Protein backbone atom coordinates (compact mmCIF):
# COMPACT_ATOMS: atom_id res chain seq x y z
CA MET A 1 58.26 -3.71 23.60
CA LEU A 2 55.61 -4.55 21.01
CA PRO A 3 55.17 -2.09 18.08
CA VAL A 4 52.13 0.09 18.87
CA GLY A 5 51.23 0.45 15.19
CA ASP A 6 51.02 -3.34 14.72
CA VAL A 7 48.85 -3.76 17.82
CA ALA A 8 46.46 -1.03 16.58
CA SER A 9 46.32 -2.64 13.11
CA LEU A 10 45.55 -6.01 14.72
CA ILE A 11 42.51 -4.53 16.50
CA VAL A 12 41.32 -2.74 13.36
CA GLY A 13 41.69 -5.95 11.32
CA VAL A 14 39.60 -7.99 13.77
CA LEU A 15 36.80 -5.38 13.81
CA ALA A 16 36.80 -5.18 9.99
CA LEU A 17 36.54 -8.94 9.70
CA TRP A 18 33.57 -9.04 12.08
CA PHE A 19 31.53 -6.33 10.41
CA GLY A 20 32.47 -7.45 6.89
CA ALA A 21 31.46 -11.02 7.66
CA ARG A 22 28.01 -9.93 8.82
CA PHE A 23 27.39 -8.03 5.58
CA LEU A 24 28.74 -10.89 3.48
CA VAL A 25 26.67 -13.64 5.11
CA THR A 26 23.44 -11.65 5.15
CA GLY A 27 23.70 -10.55 1.53
CA ALA A 28 24.84 -13.91 0.22
CA SER A 29 22.18 -15.90 2.02
CA ARG A 30 19.35 -13.64 0.81
CA ILE A 31 20.58 -13.68 -2.78
CA ALA A 32 20.79 -17.48 -2.61
CA GLY A 33 17.18 -17.82 -1.63
CA ALA A 34 16.00 -15.25 -4.18
CA ALA A 35 17.96 -16.85 -7.03
CA GLY A 36 16.78 -20.38 -6.16
CA ILE A 37 20.33 -21.54 -5.40
CA SER A 38 21.04 -23.41 -2.18
CA ALA A 39 22.95 -21.67 0.58
CA LEU A 40 25.43 -24.55 0.37
CA VAL A 41 26.48 -23.63 -3.16
CA VAL A 42 26.84 -19.95 -2.22
CA GLY A 43 28.96 -21.01 0.78
CA LEU A 44 31.07 -23.28 -1.43
CA THR A 45 31.74 -20.65 -4.07
CA VAL A 46 31.16 -16.89 -3.46
CA VAL A 47 31.69 -16.96 0.31
CA ALA A 48 34.43 -19.63 0.36
CA PHE A 49 36.49 -18.07 -2.42
CA GLY A 50 35.96 -14.59 -1.07
CA THR A 51 37.13 -15.45 2.42
CA SER A 52 40.13 -17.26 0.90
CA ALA A 53 41.24 -14.05 -0.77
CA PRO A 54 43.71 -13.25 2.07
CA GLU A 55 45.36 -16.62 1.51
CA ILE A 56 45.74 -15.84 -2.18
CA VAL A 57 47.30 -12.44 -1.52
CA VAL A 58 49.68 -13.68 1.18
CA SER A 59 50.81 -16.98 -0.43
CA THR A 60 51.23 -15.52 -3.92
CA GLY A 61 53.10 -12.55 -2.53
CA ALA A 62 55.34 -14.79 -0.44
CA ALA A 63 56.05 -16.99 -3.49
CA LEU A 64 57.10 -14.02 -5.57
CA GLU A 65 59.47 -12.98 -2.75
CA GLY A 66 60.97 -16.45 -2.59
CA ARG A 67 59.45 -17.25 0.81
CA GLY A 68 58.18 -20.74 0.09
CA ASP A 69 57.87 -21.59 3.77
CA VAL A 70 55.39 -18.81 4.36
CA ALA A 71 53.42 -19.59 1.16
CA VAL A 72 53.06 -23.33 1.83
CA GLY A 73 52.79 -23.02 5.60
CA ASN A 74 49.88 -20.63 5.10
CA VAL A 75 47.97 -23.14 2.94
CA VAL A 76 48.58 -26.21 5.09
CA GLY A 77 48.06 -24.39 8.41
CA SER A 78 44.91 -22.66 7.12
CA ASN A 79 43.34 -25.98 6.16
CA VAL A 80 44.09 -27.52 9.55
CA PHE A 81 42.54 -24.41 11.14
CA ASN A 82 39.51 -24.58 8.83
CA LEU A 83 38.73 -28.27 9.35
CA GLY A 84 39.63 -28.29 13.02
CA VAL A 85 38.82 -25.06 14.75
CA ILE A 86 36.26 -23.50 12.35
CA LEU A 87 34.25 -26.55 11.38
CA GLY A 88 34.31 -27.65 15.00
CA LEU A 89 33.04 -24.27 16.22
CA VAL A 90 30.22 -24.34 13.70
CA ALA A 91 29.08 -27.71 15.07
CA VAL A 92 29.40 -26.53 18.67
CA ILE A 93 27.27 -23.46 17.91
CA ALA A 94 24.72 -25.19 15.68
CA PRO A 95 24.96 -28.97 15.14
CA PHE A 96 23.84 -29.70 11.57
CA ARG A 97 22.87 -32.58 9.28
CA VAL A 98 25.12 -33.23 6.30
CA SER A 99 23.26 -32.81 3.03
CA GLU A 100 23.70 -35.39 0.27
CA PRO A 101 25.39 -32.99 -2.18
CA LEU A 102 27.86 -31.86 0.50
CA LEU A 103 28.66 -35.47 1.37
CA ARG A 104 28.94 -37.14 -2.00
CA ARG A 105 30.71 -34.32 -3.84
CA ASP A 106 32.24 -31.66 -1.64
CA VAL A 107 33.48 -33.66 1.34
CA LEU A 108 35.05 -36.12 -1.10
CA ALA A 109 36.66 -33.22 -2.98
CA MET A 110 38.01 -31.91 0.30
CA ALA A 111 39.55 -35.29 1.18
CA ALA A 112 40.93 -35.72 -2.35
CA SER A 113 42.52 -32.23 -2.27
CA THR A 114 44.37 -33.21 0.91
CA VAL A 115 45.71 -36.34 -0.74
CA VAL A 116 46.85 -34.17 -3.69
CA ALA A 117 48.60 -31.76 -1.28
CA VAL A 118 50.51 -34.60 0.34
CA ALA A 119 51.54 -35.99 -3.07
CA VAL A 120 52.64 -32.62 -4.45
CA LEU A 121 54.68 -31.71 -1.34
CA ALA A 122 56.30 -35.12 -0.96
CA ASN A 123 59.56 -33.82 -2.40
CA THR A 124 59.32 -30.44 -0.57
CA LEU A 125 59.04 -28.66 -3.92
CA VAL A 126 56.02 -27.46 -5.91
CA SER A 127 56.83 -26.79 -9.55
CA ARG A 128 55.02 -24.52 -11.98
CA LEU A 129 53.68 -27.59 -13.79
CA GLU A 130 52.27 -28.96 -10.54
CA GLY A 131 50.72 -25.54 -9.87
CA ALA A 132 49.01 -25.67 -13.28
CA VAL A 133 47.70 -29.15 -12.51
CA LEU A 134 46.25 -27.94 -9.22
CA LEU A 135 44.50 -25.06 -10.99
CA ALA A 136 43.09 -27.48 -13.62
CA LEU A 137 41.67 -29.67 -10.82
CA LEU A 138 40.04 -26.61 -9.29
CA ALA A 139 38.45 -25.83 -12.66
CA GLY A 140 37.09 -29.37 -12.77
CA TYR A 141 35.57 -29.01 -9.32
CA LEU A 142 33.90 -25.72 -10.26
CA ALA A 143 32.56 -27.34 -13.44
CA ALA A 144 30.95 -30.06 -11.30
CA LEU A 145 29.22 -27.36 -9.22
CA VAL A 146 27.93 -25.64 -12.38
CA ILE A 147 26.57 -28.93 -13.72
CA ALA A 148 24.85 -29.62 -10.39
CA ILE A 149 23.14 -26.20 -10.50
CA LYS A 150 22.02 -26.67 -14.12
CA ASN A 151 20.62 -30.12 -13.31
CA GLY A 152 18.64 -28.68 -10.42
CA ASP A 153 20.53 -30.71 -7.78
CA GLU A 154 20.97 -27.60 -5.63
CA ALA A 155 17.48 -26.38 -4.78
CA ALA A 156 17.28 -23.44 -2.43
CA GLU A 157 16.43 -24.10 1.19
CA PRO A 158 15.29 -21.68 3.91
CA THR A 159 18.35 -19.90 5.14
CA GLY A 160 17.25 -19.28 8.68
CA ASP A 161 18.51 -15.74 8.48
CA SER A 162 17.06 -13.79 11.37
CA SER A 163 18.55 -10.47 10.39
CA GLU A 164 16.40 -7.40 10.09
CA ALA A 165 14.34 -6.90 6.93
CA THR A 166 15.71 -4.58 4.31
CA ASP A 167 14.68 -0.94 4.36
CA GLY A 168 12.15 0.45 1.92
CA GLY A 169 13.13 1.45 -1.61
CA THR A 170 12.37 1.01 -5.24
CA ALA A 171 14.99 -1.61 -6.17
CA PRO A 172 13.74 -4.83 -7.83
CA ALA A 173 12.66 -7.40 -5.28
CA ALA A 174 12.33 -11.16 -5.24
CA ALA A 175 11.20 -13.66 -2.62
CA ASP A 176 13.90 -15.53 -0.69
CA GLY A 177 13.55 -18.89 0.99
CA THR A 178 11.82 -17.33 3.99
CA GLY A 179 9.11 -15.60 1.97
CA ARG A 180 10.62 -12.15 2.55
CA ASP A 181 11.10 -9.71 -0.35
CA VAL A 182 14.74 -9.29 -1.30
CA ARG A 183 15.97 -6.15 -3.10
CA LEU A 184 18.67 -7.73 -5.23
CA GLY A 185 20.62 -4.52 -5.89
CA LEU A 186 20.83 -3.77 -2.18
CA GLU A 187 21.84 -7.30 -1.25
CA ALA A 188 24.42 -7.48 -4.05
CA GLY A 189 25.93 -4.23 -2.79
CA ARG A 190 25.87 -5.55 0.81
CA THR A 191 27.64 -8.76 -0.30
CA VAL A 192 30.32 -6.97 -2.33
CA ALA A 193 30.93 -4.46 0.48
CA GLY A 194 31.17 -7.24 3.04
CA LEU A 195 33.61 -9.18 0.85
CA ALA A 196 35.80 -6.08 0.34
CA ILE A 197 35.88 -5.34 4.05
CA VAL A 198 36.74 -8.97 4.86
CA ILE A 199 39.59 -8.99 2.34
CA VAL A 200 41.06 -5.70 3.50
CA GLY A 201 40.59 -6.56 7.19
CA GLY A 202 42.27 -9.95 6.70
CA ARG A 203 45.26 -8.35 4.98
CA VAL A 204 45.64 -5.68 7.66
CA LEU A 205 45.44 -8.30 10.41
CA VAL A 206 47.98 -10.62 8.78
CA ASP A 207 50.49 -7.84 8.19
CA ALA A 208 50.17 -6.80 11.84
CA ALA A 209 50.46 -10.37 13.11
CA VAL A 210 53.54 -11.12 11.01
CA GLY A 211 55.17 -7.87 12.15
CA LEU A 212 54.55 -8.75 15.78
CA ALA A 213 55.81 -12.31 15.34
CA LEU A 214 58.99 -11.42 13.48
CA SER A 215 59.76 -8.68 16.04
CA VAL A 216 60.32 -11.43 18.61
CA GLY A 217 62.41 -13.68 16.32
CA ILE A 218 60.01 -16.48 15.24
CA SER A 219 61.07 -18.47 12.16
CA GLU A 220 59.38 -18.04 8.77
CA TRP A 221 57.95 -21.60 8.77
CA VAL A 222 56.37 -21.15 12.21
CA VAL A 223 55.04 -17.71 11.15
CA GLY A 224 53.55 -19.21 7.97
CA ALA A 225 52.10 -22.32 9.56
CA THR A 226 50.61 -20.63 12.63
CA ILE A 227 50.38 -16.82 12.73
CA VAL A 228 49.78 -16.27 9.01
CA ALA A 229 47.58 -19.39 8.68
CA ALA A 230 45.38 -18.41 11.58
CA GLY A 231 45.29 -14.77 10.43
CA THR A 232 44.24 -15.53 6.88
CA SER A 233 41.68 -18.04 8.17
CA LEU A 234 39.99 -15.42 10.36
CA PRO A 235 37.62 -14.40 7.53
CA GLU A 236 36.45 -18.05 7.29
CA LEU A 237 36.20 -18.22 11.09
CA VAL A 238 34.19 -15.02 11.53
CA THR A 239 31.98 -15.66 8.47
CA SER A 240 31.19 -19.26 9.48
CA VAL A 241 30.49 -18.36 13.11
CA VAL A 242 28.23 -15.48 12.09
CA ALA A 243 26.42 -17.77 9.60
CA ALA A 244 26.02 -20.55 12.19
CA ARG A 245 24.61 -18.11 14.76
CA GLN A 246 22.08 -16.88 12.18
CA GLY A 247 21.10 -20.47 11.36
CA ASP A 248 22.74 -20.47 7.94
CA THR A 249 24.58 -23.79 8.41
CA GLY A 250 24.66 -24.40 4.65
CA ILE A 251 26.78 -21.26 4.17
CA ALA A 252 28.85 -22.04 7.28
CA ALA A 253 29.68 -25.65 6.29
CA GLY A 254 30.05 -24.78 2.59
CA ASN A 255 32.46 -21.99 3.46
CA VAL A 256 34.76 -24.29 5.41
CA VAL A 257 34.72 -27.15 2.94
CA GLY A 258 34.95 -24.91 -0.13
CA SER A 259 37.77 -22.86 1.38
CA SER A 260 39.74 -26.01 2.13
CA VAL A 261 39.45 -27.20 -1.46
CA PHE A 262 40.26 -23.75 -2.80
CA ASN A 263 43.29 -23.30 -0.56
CA VAL A 264 45.01 -26.42 -1.89
CA LEU A 265 43.98 -26.28 -5.54
CA GLY A 266 43.63 -22.53 -6.04
CA VAL A 267 45.95 -20.80 -3.56
CA LEU A 268 48.79 -23.30 -3.72
CA GLY A 269 48.31 -23.64 -7.46
CA LEU A 270 48.51 -19.86 -8.05
CA ALA A 271 51.50 -19.48 -5.76
CA ALA A 272 53.43 -22.23 -7.51
CA ALA A 273 52.47 -20.94 -10.95
CA ALA A 274 53.85 -17.53 -9.92
CA ARG A 275 57.14 -19.08 -8.74
CA PRO A 276 58.20 -22.67 -7.85
CA LEU A 277 58.01 -23.24 -4.12
CA ALA A 278 60.75 -24.84 -2.01
CA VAL A 279 59.72 -25.66 1.54
CA ASP A 280 61.30 -26.77 4.82
CA PRO A 281 61.11 -30.51 5.65
CA ALA A 282 59.00 -29.47 8.65
CA VAL A 283 56.14 -29.55 6.13
CA PHE A 284 55.91 -33.35 6.63
CA LEU A 285 54.75 -33.03 10.22
CA ALA A 286 52.21 -30.37 9.21
CA LEU A 287 50.96 -32.58 6.37
CA GLY A 288 50.54 -35.43 8.90
CA TRP A 289 48.32 -33.18 11.02
CA LEU A 290 46.34 -32.09 7.95
CA ALA A 291 45.82 -35.69 6.77
CA ALA A 292 44.66 -36.75 10.25
CA VAL A 293 42.22 -33.87 10.77
CA THR A 294 40.85 -34.29 7.23
CA ALA A 295 40.34 -38.03 7.77
CA PHE A 296 38.57 -37.41 11.10
CA ALA A 297 36.34 -34.71 9.65
CA THR A 298 35.46 -36.87 6.65
CA VAL A 299 34.59 -39.85 8.85
CA VAL A 300 32.38 -37.92 11.29
CA LEU A 301 30.60 -36.18 8.41
CA ALA A 302 30.05 -39.39 6.44
CA THR A 303 29.14 -41.90 9.13
CA GLY A 304 26.51 -40.15 11.19
CA ARG A 305 25.55 -37.71 8.42
CA GLN A 306 25.35 -35.19 11.23
CA LEU A 307 28.02 -33.15 13.02
CA THR A 308 27.28 -33.07 16.74
CA ARG A 309 28.58 -30.72 19.42
CA LEU A 310 30.82 -33.47 20.84
CA GLU A 311 32.40 -34.11 17.44
CA GLY A 312 32.75 -30.35 16.95
CA ALA A 313 34.57 -30.06 20.28
CA ALA A 314 36.91 -32.87 19.23
CA LEU A 315 37.70 -31.06 15.96
CA VAL A 316 38.42 -27.81 17.82
CA ALA A 317 40.77 -29.68 20.17
CA PHE A 318 42.50 -31.27 17.16
CA GLY A 319 43.04 -27.94 15.40
CA THR A 320 44.17 -26.15 18.56
CA ALA A 321 46.67 -28.89 19.35
CA TYR A 322 48.27 -28.46 15.92
CA TRP A 323 48.55 -24.68 16.37
CA VAL A 324 50.05 -24.96 19.85
CA GLY A 325 52.35 -27.86 18.87
CA SER A 326 53.68 -26.06 15.82
CA ALA A 327 54.36 -22.89 17.83
CA ILE A 328 56.24 -24.87 20.51
CA LEU A 329 58.27 -26.99 18.09
């Protein structure tokens, strides 16, 4: 019999993710327009790093407990889920054109981070030195984003947000990309509240999912690569789906790509810096899936410069096949 407490926590976690994602996307997209920063950059940074917070908590905690399989499986499985299921769903909901900055900088960074992950995990061990190198690479990527903003390469675009206008008040206001007044204090509070709810909801959901999985005797690697990976990716999933439905494809696409880069360079780097990670040889099969889905996503984004519904459906099938295959094997 399944633990009732874990089932209840699972439901609470899902609801928290949904409502938190709505606050996060609405606040972030309005601030982006008001500040003159593109929704893509907000998606790549604030939203992507925020929704990756559950991965940080879970992988670093697992590393400190000596559970390298869970720590690494979470990172690899989350990226397959991000680039397969989530990016695919965004395209199915709202096919979008690929902007030049996303293509020439961020998609290439995503592909490069996957190559780095394969190289680092080739010996099934991630040392503290390798963790420090990963964190340094992340710092370099963030520096490139800062330079792009300073050079004016990331002009704000209309967000397409169809949410209700903000209520009256006396807080300072600025015009966003849609011409609507934005009360920055209110939107900052909305964004922070949404981020906090997403983080807490993701953690509650993951704890419940792991408890349910381990209660039926599933191995740590399978738990890390599937249950934990999907659970910690739910903030990205909910946030990107909500953004796509509101027409904020810049935030949706930036969230997926930015989270994928951050998971490898930031999450894996922090976990390894906390404690060297030893992992099961099953990681090679998972890395093969990750390399394949990354290559496919990079090609479809680069060639047509547009992600269609058909390509999105193919990505969803790819990501789902990995999850099902890993659970069976």
